Amino acid sequence: MFTGEDTPQPAAQREPGFLLDALAGDARHWPDWLLDDDLQRQIRLTLIEHVVEQKLVIAFTAGACTGTITASPDASGYLRVVVATDGAEFLTGYVERVWEEHEIWPPGATAEVGEQAPGRLGKRRSWISVSTRGWPQLRPIANENGWVNLLQLDAAPTE
């Protein structure tokens, strides 16, 4: 869980950089996603910048909505992900791999033992679920249970 502490990341802990690089490959090879709601809105990703294990910038388009997703390793040991729309930060999340799936936490989050993270990223990074419990600004696009679910469309990798 992310607590907001700026503790140095041990040199041997390379998980954030590995995840960053994997996400870059995913954006390149599987750019088409779906907002799993009644409208089934499609999202298109475009890889803008990738500095190995250091920085990732992905542009996204969902209908008239456009923005960027920027990821970089944080000193806490988590991967920091910032989503921006219209040039302004929309939400920030901190991602870590827990067992096979990844947990996503908002800034400053604390959790009780056994508490579920308000965001999850699948083992193969082919789905993302985030809750308005962690990011209330998602309410306009969340389902009746307060979740936003994104699914990678099944397609052959692109070159």
Foldseek 3Di string as FASTA:
>chain_A
DAQQDQAADPPPLLQLLVVLVLVLQCLQWQQWKFWPDPVRWIKGKDWDDDDRSAKTKIWMDTPPWIWIWIWGQGRVSWIWIFTDTPNHTQAIWTWDDDPQKIAIAGPNDDDDVPDGGQKIAGNSRFKIKHFCVRPVSCVVSADPVRITMMGGDDDGTDD
